[in-house]
PDB file of N, CA and C in Angstrom:
ATOM      1  N   ASN A   1     -29.652  34.205 -44.096  1.00  0.00           N
ATOM      2  CA  ASN A   1     -28.560  33.260 -43.475  1.00  0.00           C
ATOM      3  C   ASN A   1     -28.249  32.169 -43.016  1.00  0.00           C
ATOM      4  N   LYS A   2     -29.014  32.160 -41.910  1.00  0.00           N
ATOM      5  CA  LYS A   2     -28.986  31.033 -41.353  1.00  0.00           C
ATOM      6  C   LYS A   2     -28.994  29.503 -42.206  1.00  0.00           C
ATOM      7  N   ILE A   3     -29.776  29.836 -43.415  1.00  0.00           N
ATOM      8  CA  ILE A   3     -30.023  28.499 -44.086  1.00  0.00           C
ATOM      9  C   ILE A   3     -29.052  28.335 -44.654  1.00  0.00           C
ATOM     10  N   LYS A   4     -28.269  29.593 -45.243  1.00  0.00           N
ATOM     11  CA  LYS A   4     -27.697  29.410 -46.405  1.00  0.00           C
ATOM     12  C   LYS A   4     -26.436  28.864 -46.565  1.00  0.00           C
ATOM     13  N   TYR A   5     -25.997  28.049 -47.502  1.00  0.00           N
ATOM     14  CA  TYR A   5     -24.731  27.111 -47.634  1.00  0.00           C
ATOM     15  C   TYR A   5     -23.767  27.965 -47.341  1.00  0.00           C
ATOM     16  N   PRO A   6     -22.657  27.907 -46.464  1.00  0.00           N
ATOM     17  CA  PRO A   6     -21.318  28.631 -46.527  1.00  0.00           C
ATOM     18  C   PRO A   6     -20.958  29.566 -47.624  1.00  0.00           C
ATOM     19  N   TYR A   7     -20.811  28.729 -48.819  1.00  0.00           N
ATOM     20  CA  TYR A   7     -20.117  29.166 -50.119  1.00  0.00           C
ATOM     21  C   TYR A   7     -21.473  28.914 -51.136  1.00  0.00           C
ATOM     22  N   ASN A   8     -21.939  30.498 -51.584  1.00  0.00           N
ATOM     23  CA  ASN A   8     -22.909  30.463 -52.714  1.00  0.00           C
ATOM     24  C   ASN A   8     -22.299  30.337 -54.021  1.00  0.00           C
ATOM     25  N   VAL A   9     -22.945  29.851 -54.926  1.00  0.00           N
ATOM     26  CA  VAL A   9     -22.558  29.369 -55.948  1.00  0.00           C
ATOM     27  C   VAL A   9     -23.360  30.032 -56.905  1.00  0.00           C
ATOM     28  N   ASN A  10     -22.926  30.768 -57.630  1.00  0.00           N
ATOM     29  CA  ASN A  10     -23.813  31.715 -58.871  1.00  0.00           C
ATOM     30  C   ASN A  10     -24.392  30.584 -60.174  1.00  0.00           C
ATOM     31  N   VAL A  11     -25.353  31.233 -60.746  1.00  0.00           N
ATOM     32  CA  VAL A  11     -25.793  30.587 -61.988  1.00  0.00           C
ATOM     33  C   VAL A  11     -24.540  30.494 -63.002  1.00  0.00           C
ATOM     34  N   SER A  12     -23.677  31.607 -62.923  1.00  0.00           N
ATOM     35  CA  SER A  12     -22.615  31.597 -64.189  1.00  0.00           C
ATOM     36  C   SER A  12     -21.949  30.577 -63.922  1.00  0.00           C
ATOM     37  N   THR A  13     -21.584  30.339 -62.258  1.00  0.00           N
ATOM     38  CA  THR A  13     -20.680  29.438 -62.111  1.00  0.00           C
ATOM     39  C   THR A  13     -20.933  28.085 -62.001  1.00  0.00           C
ATOM     40  N   GLN A  14     -22.172  28.088 -61.724  1.00  0.00           N
ATOM     41  CA  GLN A  14     -22.871  26.784 -62.051  1.00  0.00           C
ATOM     42  C   GLN A  14     -22.498  26.393 -63.695  1.00  0.00           C
ATOM     43  N   ASP A  15     -23.312  27.054 -64.542  1.00  0.00           N
ATOM     44  CA  ASP A  15     -23.156  26.982 -65.783  1.00  0.00           C
ATOM     45  C   ASP A  15     -21.371  26.536 -66.591  1.00  0.00           C
ATOM     46  N   LEU A  16     -20.812  26.782 -66.036  1.00  0.00           N
ATOM     47  CA  LEU A  16     -19.013  26.462 -66.244  1.00  0.00           C
ATOM     48  C   LEU A  16     -19.147  24.900 -65.580  1.00  0.00           C
ATOM     49  N   ALA A  17     -19.185  25.228 -64.388  1.00  0.00           N
ATOM     50  CA  ALA A  17     -19.453  23.423 -63.431  1.00  0.00           C
ATOM     51  C   ALA A  17     -19.690  22.866 -64.414  1.00  0.00           C
ATOM     52  N   LEU A  18     -20.990  23.122 -65.351  1.00  0.00           N
ATOM     53  CA  LEU A  18     -22.096  21.825 -65.847  1.00  0.00           C
ATOM     54  C   LEU A  18     -21.053  21.060 -66.877  1.00  0.00           C
ATOM     55  N   GLN A  19     -20.816  22.392 -67.833  1.00  0.00           N
ATOM     56  CA  GLN A  19     -19.490  22.530 -68.997  1.00  0.00           C
ATOM     57  C   GLN A  19     -18.330  21.874 -68.536  1.00  0.00           C
ATOM     58  N   ALA A  20     -17.781  21.660 -67.364  1.00  0.00           N
ATOM     59  CA  ALA A  20     -16.460  21.049 -67.258  1.00  0.00           C
ATOM     60  C   ALA A  20     -17.073  19.568 -67.191  1.00  0.00           C
ATOM     61  N   LEU A  21     -18.189  19.426 -66.544  1.00  0.00           N
ATOM     62  CA  LEU A  21     -18.452  18.293 -66.499  1.00  0.00           C
ATOM     63  C   LEU A  21     -18.782  17.346 -67.913  1.00  0.00           C
ATOM     64  N   ASP A  22     -19.147  18.073 -68.729  1.00  0.00           N
ATOM     65  CA  ASP A  22     -19.345  17.851 -70.300  1.00  0.00           C
ATOM     66  C   ASP A  22     -18.500  17.248 -70.581  1.00  0.00           C
ATOM     67  N   ASN A  23     -17.237  17.849 -70.518  1.00  0.00           N
ATOM     68  CA  ASN A  23     -15.707  18.011 -71.260  1.00  0.00           C
ATOM     69  C   ASN A  23     -14.842  17.479 -69.860  1.00  0.00           C
ATOM     70  N   ALA A  24     -14.928  16.004 -69.434  1.00  0.00           N
ATOM     71  CA  ALA A  24     -14.016  15.425 -68.396  1.00  0.00           C
ATOM     72  C   ALA A  24     -12.825  15.505 -68.857  1.00  0.00           C
ATOM     73  N   GLN A  25     -12.451  14.929 -70.417  1.00  0.00           N
ATOM     74  CA  GLN A  25     -11.035  14.768 -70.920  1.00  0.00           C
ATOM     75  C   GLN A  25     -10.445  16.308 -70.275  1.00  0.00           C
ATOM     76  N   LYS A  26     -11.148  17.130 -70.747  1.00  0.00           N
ATOM     77  CA  LYS A  26     -10.014  19.049 -70.645  1.00  0.00           C
ATOM     78  C   LYS A  26     -10.051  18.880 -69.207  1.00  0.00           C
ATOM     79  N   THR A  27     -11.136  18.376 -68.529  1.00  0.00           N
ATOM     80  CA  THR A  27     -11.285  19.012 -66.801  1.00  0.00           C
ATOM     81  C   THR A  27      -9.928  18.347 -66.177  1.00  0.00           C
ATOM     82  N   ARG A  28      -9.562  17.121 -66.402  1.00  0.00           N
ATOM     83  CA  ARG A  28      -8.847  15.709 -66.528  1.00  0.00           C
ATOM     84  C   ARG A  28      -7.410  16.500 -66.619  1.00  0.00           C
ATOM     85  N   SER A  29      -7.373  17.322 -67.903  1.00  0.00           N
ATOM     86  CA  SER A  29      -6.057  17.549 -68.338  1.00  0.00           C
ATOM     87  C   SER A  29      -5.624  18.898 -67.229  1.00  0.00           C
ATOM     88  N   TRP A  30      -6.694  19.403 -67.220  1.00  0.00           N
ATOM     89  CA  TRP A  30      -6.404  20.949 -66.118  1.00  0.00           C
ATOM     90  C   TRP A  30      -5.920  20.491 -64.814  1.00  0.00           C
ATOM     91  N   VAL A  31      -6.282  19.545 -64.164  1.00  0.00           N
ATOM     92  CA  VAL A  31      -6.319  18.951 -62.881  1.00  0.00           C
ATOM     93  C   VAL A  31      -5.137  18.782 -62.790  1.00  0.00           C
ATOM     94  N   GLN A  32      -4.509  17.737 -64.258  1.00  0.00           N
ATOM     95  CA  GLN A  32      -3.401  17.066 -64.354  1.00  0.00           C
ATOM     96  C   GLN A  32      -2.084  17.967 -63.946  1.00  0.00           C
ATOM     97  N   GLU A  33      -2.566  19.243 -65.042  1.00  0.00           N
ATOM     98  CA  GLU A  33      -1.651  20.522 -64.945  1.00  0.00           C
ATOM     99  C   GLU A  33      -1.432  21.391 -63.454  1.00  0.00           C
ATOM    100  N   ILE A  34      -2.632  21.244 -62.626  1.00  0.00           N
ATOM    101  CA  ILE A  34      -2.284  21.631 -61.435  1.00  0.00           C
ATOM    102  C   ILE A  34      -1.513  21.146 -60.744  1.00  0.00           C
ATOM    103  N   VAL A  35      -2.114  19.559 -60.423  1.00  0.00           N
ATOM    104  CA  VAL A  35      -1.321  18.660 -59.768  1.00  0.00           C
ATOM    105  C   VAL A  35       0.380  18.901 -60.026  1.00  0.00           C
ATOM    106  N   LEU A  36       0.826  18.888 -61.281  1.00  0.00           N
ATOM    107  CA  LEU A  36       2.112  18.911 -61.483  1.00  0.00           C
ATOM    108  C   LEU A  36       2.919  20.362 -60.882  1.00  0.00           C
ATOM    109  N   GLU A  37       2.082  21.465 -61.390  1.00  0.00           N
ATOM    110  CA  GLU A  37       2.233  22.607 -60.994  1.00  0.00           C
ATOM    111  C   GLU A  37       2.563  23.072 -59.631  1.00  0.00           C
ATOM    112  N   ARG A  38       1.785  22.448 -58.727  1.00  0.00           N
ATOM    113  CA  ARG A  38       1.900  22.303 -57.389  1.00  0.00           C
ATOM    114  C   ARG A  38       2.900  21.444 -56.805  1.00  0.00           C
ATOM    115  N   GLU A  39       3.565  20.438 -57.494  1.00  0.00           N
ATOM    116  CA  GLU A  39       4.620  19.721 -57.129  1.00  0.00           C
ATOM    117  C   GLU A  39       5.589  20.345 -57.521  1.00  0.00           C
ATOM    118  N   ARG A  40       5.396  21.051 -58.472  1.00  0.00           N
ATOM    119  CA  ARG A  40       7.000  21.690 -58.940  1.00  0.00           C
ATOM    120  C   ARG A  40       7.538  23.017 -57.662  1.00  0.00           C
ATOM    121  N   LEU A  41       5.638  23.638 -57.350  1.00  0.00           N
ATOM    122  CA  LEU A  41       5.702  24.869 -57.021  1.00  0.00           C
ATOM    123  C   LEU A  41       6.426  24.253 -55.358  1.00  0.00           C
ATOM    124  N   SER A  42       6.038  23.252 -54.804  1.00  0.00           N
ATOM    125  CA  SER A  42       6.133  22.818 -53.649  1.00  0.00           C
ATOM    126  C   SER A  42       7.852  22.840 -53.403  1.00  0.00           C
ATOM    127  N   ASN A  43       8.581  21.975 -54.291  1.00  0.00           N
ATOM    128  CA  ASN A  43       9.927  21.768 -54.654  1.00  0.00           C
ATOM    129  C   ASN A  43      10.790  22.861 -54.439  1.00  0.00           C
ATOM    130  N   ASP A  44      10.118  23.960 -55.198  1.00  0.00           N
ATOM    131  CA  ASP A  44      10.939  25.054 -55.319  1.00  0.00           C
ATOM    132  C   ASP A  44      10.749  25.915 -54.092  1.00  0.00           C
ATOM    133  N   LEU A  45       9.809  26.107 -53.186  1.00  0.00           N
ATOM    134  CA  LEU A  45       9.537  26.983 -51.957  1.00  0.00           C
ATOM    135  C   LEU A  45      10.481  26.277 -50.936  1.00  0.00           C
ATOM    136  N   ALA A  46      10.295  24.824 -51.044  1.00  0.00           N
ATOM    137  CA  ALA A  46      10.912  23.973 -50.032  1.00  0.00           C
ATOM    138  C   ALA A  46      12.626  24.390 -50.255  1.00  0.00           C
ATOM    139  N   ALA A  47      12.995  24.390 -51.542  1.00  0.00           N
ATOM    140  CA  ALA A  47      14.532  24.591 -51.123  1.00  0.00           C
ATOM    141  C   ALA A  47      15.066  26.429 -50.949  1.00  0.00           C
ATOM    142  N   LEU A  48      14.330  26.964 -50.761  1.00  0.00           N
ATOM    143  CA  LEU A  48      14.446  28.417 -50.569  1.00  0.00           C
ATOM    144  C   LEU A  48      14.633  28.608 -48.935  1.00  0.00           C
ATOM    145  N   SER A  49      15.965  29.647 -48.388  1.00  0.00           N
ATOM    146  CA  SER A  49      16.075  29.572 -46.950  1.00  0.00           C
ATOM    147  C   SER A  49      15.428  30.523 -46.238  1.00  0.00           C
ATOM    148  N   ILE A  50      14.108  31.219 -46.756  1.00  0.00           N
ATOM    149  CA  ILE A  50      13.241  31.760 -45.726  1.00  0.00           C
ATOM    150  C   ILE A  50      12.177  30.630 -45.544  1.00  0.00           C
ATOM    151  N   THR A  51      11.775  29.337 -46.345  1.00  0.00           N
ATOM    152  CA  THR A  51      10.865  28.368 -46.064  1.00  0.00           C
ATOM    153  C   THR A  51      11.455  27.458 -44.695  1.00  0.00           C
ATOM    154  N   LYS A  52      10.558  27.367 -43.987  1.00  0.00           N
ATOM    155  CA  LYS A  52      10.587  26.543 -43.001  1.00  0.00           C
ATOM    156  C   LYS A  52       9.825  25.316 -42.911  1.00  0.00           C
ATOM    157  N   VAL A  53       8.623  25.434 -43.723  1.00  0.00           N
ATOM    158  CA  VAL A  53       8.111  23.931 -44.251  1.00  0.00           C
ATOM    159  C   VAL A  53       6.852  24.603 -44.936  1.00  0.00           C
ATOM    160  N   VAL A  54       6.761  23.122 -46.285  1.00  0.00           N
ATOM    161  CA  VAL A  54       5.834  23.376 -46.828  1.00  0.00           C
ATOM    162  C   VAL A  54       4.711  21.841 -46.489  1.00  0.00           C
ATOM    163  N   TYR A  55       3.545  22.504 -46.104  1.00  0.00           N
ATOM    164  CA  TYR A  55       3.069  21.423 -45.722  1.00  0.00           C
ATOM    165  C   TYR A  55       2.119  20.485 -46.973  1.00  0.00           C
ATOM    166  N   PRO A  56       2.318  19.195 -46.855  1.00  0.00           N
ATOM    167  CA  PRO A  56       1.575  18.427 -47.464  1.00  0.00           C
ATOM    168  C   PRO A  56       0.143  19.033 -48.247  1.00  0.00           C
ATOM    169  N   THR A  57      -0.039  18.482 -49.186  1.00  0.00           N
ATOM    170  CA  THR A  57      -1.812  19.046 -49.613  1.00  0.00           C
ATOM    171  C   THR A  57      -2.276  18.359 -50.978  1.00  0.00           C
ATOM    172  N   GLU A  58      -3.076  18.427 -51.173  1.00  0.00           N
ATOM    173  CA  GLU A  58      -4.240  17.801 -52.120  1.00  0.00           C
ATOM    174  C   GLU A  58      -5.007  18.416 -52.675  1.00  0.00           C
ATOM    175  N   ALA A  59      -4.957  20.123 -52.209  1.00  0.00           N
ATOM    176  CA  ALA A  59      -5.537  21.086 -52.983  1.00  0.00           C
ATOM    177  C   ALA A  59      -4.992  22.129 -53.842  1.00  0.00           C
ATOM    178  N   ASN A  60      -5.539  22.597 -54.079  1.00  0.00           N
ATOM    179  CA  ASN A  60      -5.076  23.624 -55.251  1.00  0.00           C
ATOM    180  C   ASN A  60      -4.148  24.812 -54.757  1.00  0.00           C
ATOM    181  N   PHE A  61      -3.644  24.602 -53.364  1.00  0.00           N
ATOM    182  CA  PHE A  61      -2.719  25.432 -52.537  1.00  0.00           C
ATOM    183  C   PHE A  61      -2.132  24.925 -51.935  1.00  0.00           C
ATOM    184  N   LEU A  62      -1.061  25.745 -51.319  1.00  0.00           N
ATOM    185  CA  LEU A  62       0.130  25.667 -50.458  1.00  0.00           C
ATOM    186  C   LEU A  62      -0.213  26.529 -49.758  1.00  0.00           C
ATOM    187  N   LEU A  63       0.052  25.492 -48.034  1.00  0.00           N
ATOM    188  CA  LEU A  63       0.336  26.240 -46.669  1.00  0.00           C
ATOM    189  C   LEU A  63       1.849  26.350 -46.488  1.00  0.00           C
ATOM    190  N   VAL A  64       2.398  27.146 -46.536  1.00  0.00           N
ATOM    191  CA  VAL A  64       3.729  27.158 -46.278  1.00  0.00           C
ATOM    192  C   VAL A  64       4.557  28.103 -45.376  1.00  0.00           C
ATOM    193  N   LYS A  65       5.007  27.551 -44.399  1.00  0.00           N
ATOM    194  CA  LYS A  65       5.319  28.410 -43.252  1.00  0.00           C
ATOM    195  C   LYS A  65       6.644  28.990 -43.176  1.00  0.00           C
ATOM    196  N   VAL A  66       7.151  30.041 -43.161  1.00  0.00           N
ATOM    197  CA  VAL A  66       8.154  31.020 -43.995  1.00  0.00           C
ATOM    198  C   VAL A  66       8.549  32.135 -42.588  1.00  0.00           C
ATOM    199  N   GLU A  67       9.492  32.548 -42.916  1.00  0.00           N
ATOM    200  CA  GLU A  67      10.380  33.679 -41.806  1.00  0.00           C
ATOM    201  C   GLU A  67       9.790  34.554 -42.355  1.00  0.00           C
ATOM    202  N   GLU A  68       9.193  35.383 -41.232  1.00  0.00           N
ATOM    203  CA  GLU A  68       8.460  36.625 -41.574  1.00  0.00           C
ATOM    204  C   GLU A  68       7.653  36.927 -42.436  1.00  0.00           C
ATOM    205  N   ALA A  69       6.692  36.287 -42.516  1.00  0.00           N
ATOM    206  CA  ALA A  69       5.327  35.886 -43.134  1.00  0.00           C
ATOM    207  C   ALA A  69       4.680  37.282 -43.313  1.00  0.00           C
ATOM    208  N   PRO A  70       4.527  37.846 -42.390  1.00  0.00           N
ATOM    209  CA  PRO A  70       3.928  39.259 -42.831  1.00  0.00           C
ATOM    210  C   PRO A  70       4.980  40.236 -43.593  1.00  0.00           C
ATOM    211  N   SER A  71       5.984  40.160 -43.288  1.00  0.00           N
ATOM    212  CA  SER A  71       6.858  41.372 -44.028  1.00  0.00           C
ATOM    213  C   SER A  71       6.964  40.455 -45.709  1.00  0.00           C
ATOM    214  N   ILE A  72       7.003  39.384 -45.796  1.00  0.00           N
ATOM    215  CA  ILE A  72       7.148  38.508 -46.888  1.00  0.00           C
ATOM    216  C   ILE A  72       5.805  39.235 -47.754  1.00  0.00           C
ATOM    217  N   TYR A  73       4.281  38.761 -47.091  1.00  0.00           N
ATOM    218  CA  TYR A  73       3.476  38.946 -47.530  1.00  0.00           C
ATOM    219  C   TYR A  73       2.940  40.119 -48.305  1.00  0.00           C
ATOM    220  N   ARG A  74       3.782  41.311 -47.696  1.00  0.00           N
ATOM    221  CA  ARG A  74       3.644  43.301 -48.018  1.00  0.00           C
ATOM    222  C   ARG A  74       4.601  43.360 -49.026  1.00  0.00           C
ATOM    223  N   GLN A  75       5.825  42.651 -49.288  1.00  0.00           N
ATOM    224  CA  GLN A  75       6.771  42.989 -50.267  1.00  0.00           C
ATOM    225  C   GLN A  75       5.939  42.062 -51.784  1.00  0.00           C
ATOM    226  N   LEU A  76       5.319  40.954 -51.397  1.00  0.00           N
ATOM    227  CA  LEU A  76       4.744  40.281 -52.408  1.00  0.00           C
ATOM    228  C   LEU A  76       3.726  41.289 -53.325  1.00  0.00           C
ATOM    229  N   MET A  77       2.647  41.547 -52.363  1.00  0.00           N
ATOM    230  CA  MET A  77       1.536  42.544 -52.479  1.00  0.00           C
ATOM    231  C   MET A  77       1.635  43.759 -53.248  1.00  0.00           C
ATOM    232  N   GLU A  78       3.319  44.209 -52.742  1.00  0.00           N
ATOM    233  CA  GLU A  78       3.669  45.504 -53.479  1.00  0.00           C
ATOM    234  C   GLU A  78       4.349  44.995 -54.832  1.00  0.00           C
ATOM    235  N   GLN A  79       4.112  43.904 -54.948  1.00  0.00           N
ATOM    236  CA  GLN A  79       4.830  43.610 -56.592  1.00  0.00           C
ATOM    237  C   GLN A  79       3.691  42.785 -57.202  1.00  0.00           C
ATOM    238  N   GLY A  80       3.010  43.201 -56.617  1.00  0.00           N
ATOM    239  CA  GLY A  80       1.222  42.295 -57.263  1.00  0.00           C
ATOM    240  C   GLY A  80       1.176  40.761 -57.410  1.00  0.00           C
ATOM    241  N   ILE A  81       1.973  40.174 -56.375  1.00  0.00           N
ATOM    242  CA  ILE A  81       1.489  38.823 -56.300  1.00  0.00           C
ATOM    243  C   ILE A  81       0.897  38.399 -55.091  1.00  0.00           C
ATOM    244  N   ILE A  82      -0.006  38.315 -55.227  1.00  0.00           N
ATOM    245  CA  ILE A  82      -1.721  37.891 -54.600  1.00  0.00           C
ATOM    246  C   ILE A  82      -1.330  36.374 -53.651  1.00  0.00           C
ATOM    247  N   VAL A  83      -0.960  36.655 -52.423  1.00  0.00           N
ATOM    248  CA  VAL A  83      -1.043  35.546 -51.445  1.00  0.00           C
ATOM    249  C   VAL A  83      -2.034  35.984 -50.003  1.00  0.00           C
ATOM    250  N   ARG A  84      -1.604  34.976 -49.832  1.00  0.00           N
ATOM    251  CA  ARG A  84      -2.796  35.339 -48.391  1.00  0.00           C
ATOM    252  C   ARG A  84      -2.099  34.799 -47.033  1.00  0.00           C
ATOM    253  N   ASP A  85      -1.999  35.626 -46.091  1.00  0.00           N
ATOM    254  CA  ASP A  85      -1.368  35.827 -44.497  1.00  0.00           C
ATOM    255  C   ASP A  85      -1.975  35.470 -44.086  1.00  0.00           C
ATOM    256  N   ARG A  86      -1.876  33.993 -43.590  1.00  0.00           N
ATOM    257  CA  ARG A  86      -2.249  32.935 -42.602  1.00  0.00           C
ATOM    258  C   ARG A  86      -1.563  33.172 -41.021  1.00  0.00           C
ATOM    259  N   SER A  87      -0.763  33.629 -41.040  1.00  0.00           N
ATOM    260  CA  SER A  87       0.368  34.058 -39.702  1.00  0.00           C
ATOM    261  C   SER A  87      -0.661  34.195 -38.323  1.00  0.00           C
ATOM    262  N   ASN A  88      -1.816  35.219 -38.874  1.00  0.00           N
ATOM    263  CA  ASN A  88      -2.249  35.326 -37.254  1.00  0.00           C
ATOM    264  C   ASN A  88      -3.349  33.883 -36.914  1.00  0.00           C
ATOM    265  N   VAL A  89      -3.537  33.250 -37.947  1.00  0.00           N
ATOM    266  CA  VAL A  89      -4.634  32.013 -38.136  1.00  0.00           C
ATOM    267  C   VAL A  89      -3.936  31.223 -36.836  1.00  0.00           C
ATOM    268  N   LYS A  90      -4.818  30.631 -36.289  1.00  0.00           N
ATOM    269  CA  LYS A  90      -4.864  29.929 -34.781  1.00  0.00           C
ATOM    270  C   LYS A  90      -4.261  28.244 -35.587  1.00  0.00           C
ATOM    271  N   LEU A  91      -3.053  28.094 -35.124  1.00  0.00           N
ATOM    272  CA  LEU A  91      -2.616  26.839 -35.677  1.00  0.00           C
ATOM    273  C   LEU A  91      -1.587  27.414 -37.334  1.00  0.00           C
ATOM    274  N   CYS A  92      -1.902  28.224 -37.438  1.00  0.00           N
ATOM    275  CA  CYS A  92      -1.246  28.831 -38.834  1.00  0.00           C
ATOM    276  C   CYS A  92       0.031  30.266 -38.576  1.00  0.00           C
ATOM    277  N   ASP A  93       0.632  30.126 -37.214  1.00  0.00           N
ATOM    278  CA  ASP A  93       1.737  30.990 -37.269  1.00  0.00           C
ATOM    279  C   ASP A  93       2.578  30.914 -38.153  1.00  0.00           C
ATOM    280  N   GLY A  94       3.169  32.122 -38.741  1.00  0.00           N
ATOM    281  CA  GLY A  94       4.197  32.240 -39.822  1.00  0.00           C
ATOM    282  C   GLY A  94       3.983  31.574 -41.139  1.00  0.00           C
ATOM    283  N   CYS A  95       2.868  31.521 -41.663  1.00  0.00           N
ATOM    284  CA  CYS A  95       2.377  30.652 -42.614  1.00  0.00           C
ATOM    285  C   CYS A  95       1.263  31.661 -43.565  1.00  0.00           C
ATOM    286  N   LEU A  96       2.058  31.041 -45.128  1.00  0.00           N
ATOM    287  CA  LEU A  96       0.962  31.890 -45.930  1.00  0.00           C
ATOM    288  C   LEU A  96       0.494  31.051 -46.889  1.00  0.00           C
ATOM    289  N   ARG A  97      -0.536  31.249 -47.328  1.00  0.00           N
ATOM    290  CA  ARG A  97      -1.191  30.216 -48.254  1.00  0.00           C
ATOM    291  C   ARG A  97      -1.320  30.785 -49.500  1.00  0.00           C
ATOM    292  N   ILE A  98      -0.917  29.936 -50.112  1.00  0.00           N
ATOM    293  CA  ILE A  98       0.025  30.158 -51.773  1.00  0.00           C
ATOM    294  C   ILE A  98      -1.108  29.411 -53.056  1.00  0.00           C
ATOM    295  N   THR A  99      -1.780  29.953 -53.409  1.00  0.00           N
ATOM    296  CA  THR A  99      -2.794  29.089 -54.578  1.00  0.00           C
ATOM    297  C   THR A  99      -1.960  28.395 -55.489  1.00  0.00           C
ATOM    298  N   VAL A 100      -1.526  27.532 -56.232  1.00  0.00           N
ATOM    299  CA  VAL A 100      -1.148  27.463 -57.530  1.00  0.00           C
ATOM    300  C   VAL A 100      -1.430  27.559 -58.777  1.00  0.00           C
ATOM    301  N   GLY A 101      -0.696  28.359 -59.173  1.00  0.00           N
ATOM    302  CA  GLY A 101      -1.057  29.688 -60.410  1.00  0.00           C
ATOM    303  C   GLY A 101      -0.674  28.420 -61.694  1.00  0.00           C
ATOM    304  N   THR A 102      -0.270  29.583 -63.189  1.00  0.00           N
ATOM    305  CA  THR A 102       0.004  29.068 -64.214  1.00  0.00           C
ATOM    306  C   THR A 102       1.519  28.940 -64.231  1.00  0.00           C
ATOM    307  N   PRO A 103       2.458  27.954 -64.934  1.00  0.00           N
ATOM    308  CA  PRO A 103       3.856  28.008 -64.950  1.00  0.00           C
ATOM    309  C   PRO A 103       4.348  29.525 -64.937  1.00  0.00           C
ATOM    310  N   ARG A 104       3.960  30.029 -65.281  1.00  0.00           N
ATOM    311  CA  ARG A 104       4.533  31.816 -65.629  1.00  0.00           C
ATOM    312  C   ARG A 104       4.096  32.323 -64.304  1.00  0.00           C
ATOM    313  N   GLU A 105       2.815  32.168 -63.484  1.00  0.00           N
ATOM    314  CA  GLU A 105       2.852  33.062 -62.409  1.00  0.00           C
ATOM    315  C   GLU A 105       3.648  32.334 -61.399  1.00  0.00           C
ATOM    316  N   ASN A 106       3.426  31.127 -61.288  1.00  0.00           N
ATOM    317  CA  ASN A 106       4.583  30.362 -60.108  1.00  0.00           C
ATOM    318  C   ASN A 106       6.228  30.523 -60.324  1.00  0.00           C
ATOM    319  N   ASP A 107       6.561  30.964 -61.961  1.00  0.00           N
ATOM    320  CA  ASP A 107       7.769  31.598 -61.655  1.00  0.00           C
ATOM    321  C   ASP A 107       7.843  32.885 -61.151  1.00  0.00           C
ATOM    322  N   ARG A 108       6.579  33.649 -61.383  1.00  0.00           N
ATOM    323  CA  ARG A 108       7.297  35.162 -60.745  1.00  0.00           C
ATOM    324  C   ARG A 108       7.553  34.818 -59.233  1.00  0.00           C
ATOM    325  N   LEU A 109       6.959  34.190 -58.891  1.00  0.00           N
ATOM    326  CA  LEU A 109       6.152  34.138 -57.587  1.00  0.00           C
ATOM    327  C   LEU A 109       8.085  33.312 -56.740  1.00  0.00           C
ATOM    328  N   ILE A 110       8.387  32.498 -57.248  1.00  0.00           N
ATOM    329  CA  ILE A 110       9.768  31.736 -57.016  1.00  0.00           C
ATOM    330  C   ILE A 110      10.882  32.845 -57.254  1.00  0.00           C
ATOM    331  N   ASN A 111      10.275  33.496 -58.053  1.00  0.00           N
ATOM    332  CA  ASN A 111      11.660  34.417 -58.264  1.00  0.00           C
ATOM    333  C   ASN A 111      11.714  35.636 -57.485  1.00  0.00           C
ATOM    334  N   ALA A 112      10.671  36.166 -57.131  1.00  0.00           N
ATOM    335  CA  ALA A 112      10.697  37.133 -56.160  1.00  0.00           C
ATOM    336  C   ALA A 112      10.788  36.428 -54.526  1.00  0.00           C
ATOM    337  N   LEU A 113      10.513  35.639 -54.335  1.00  0.00           N
ATOM    338  CA  LEU A 113      11.091  35.082 -52.988  1.00  0.00           C
ATOM    339  C   LEU A 113      12.356  34.399 -53.215  1.00  0.00           C
ATOM    340  N   LYS A 114      13.512  34.211 -53.880  1.00  0.00           N
ATOM    341  CA  LYS A 114      14.524  34.023 -54.279  1.00  0.00           C
ATOM    342  C   LYS A 114      15.041  35.275 -53.714  1.00  0.00           C
ATOM    343  N   LYS A 115      14.570  36.289 -54.230  1.00  0.00           N
ATOM    344  CA  LYS A 115      15.190  37.562 -54.124  1.00  0.00           C
ATOM    345  C   LYS A 115      15.288  37.938 -52.702  1.00  0.00           C
ATOM    346  N   MET A 116      14.244  37.864 -52.379  1.00  0.00           N
ATOM    347  CA  MET A 116      13.925  38.005 -50.902  1.00  0.00           C
ATOM    348  C   MET A 116      14.912  37.132 -49.571  1.00  0.00           C
ATOM    349  N   SER A 117      15.208  36.226 -50.106  1.00  0.00           N
ATOM    350  CA  SER A 117      15.455  34.989 -49.197  1.00  0.00           C
ATOM    351  C   SER A 117      17.129  35.644 -49.669  1.00  0.00           C
ATOM    352  N   THR A 118      17.824  36.488 -50.215  1.00  0.00           N
ATOM    353  CA  THR A 118      18.943  36.660 -50.892  1.00  0.00           C
ATOM    354  C   THR A 118      19.671  37.763 -50.177  1.00  0.00           C
ATOM    355  N   SER A 119      18.644  38.517 -49.833  1.00  0.00           N
ATOM    356  CA  SER A 119      18.308  40.041 -49.565  1.00  0.00           C
ATOM    357  C   SER A 119      18.579  40.209 -47.949  1.00  0.00           C
TER     358      SER A 119
END
């Protein structure tokens, strides 16, 4: 454990990565889709009354400061919407980490959060 890398990459994942490198055009298309969805998701989240801050990012996830993060986290989990509660992590008080999903997944998340912000 002292000498292994922090994130192990198994052989299957390595094979998929090599396939992606062989098909650079398709990979660029996927990246473009994620970037567009990240921007849309960021804008939709920022428009919600329960959102305090959507932090800028270049990653495939957003760090979002919200009112009552643990409660929102639990309500989303009850609906089968998985996000990460980072509200107890140093410098992430009240934050959720939200991975950019497919348009359908992102719509589902936003609709659930809209209901929470009006109740």
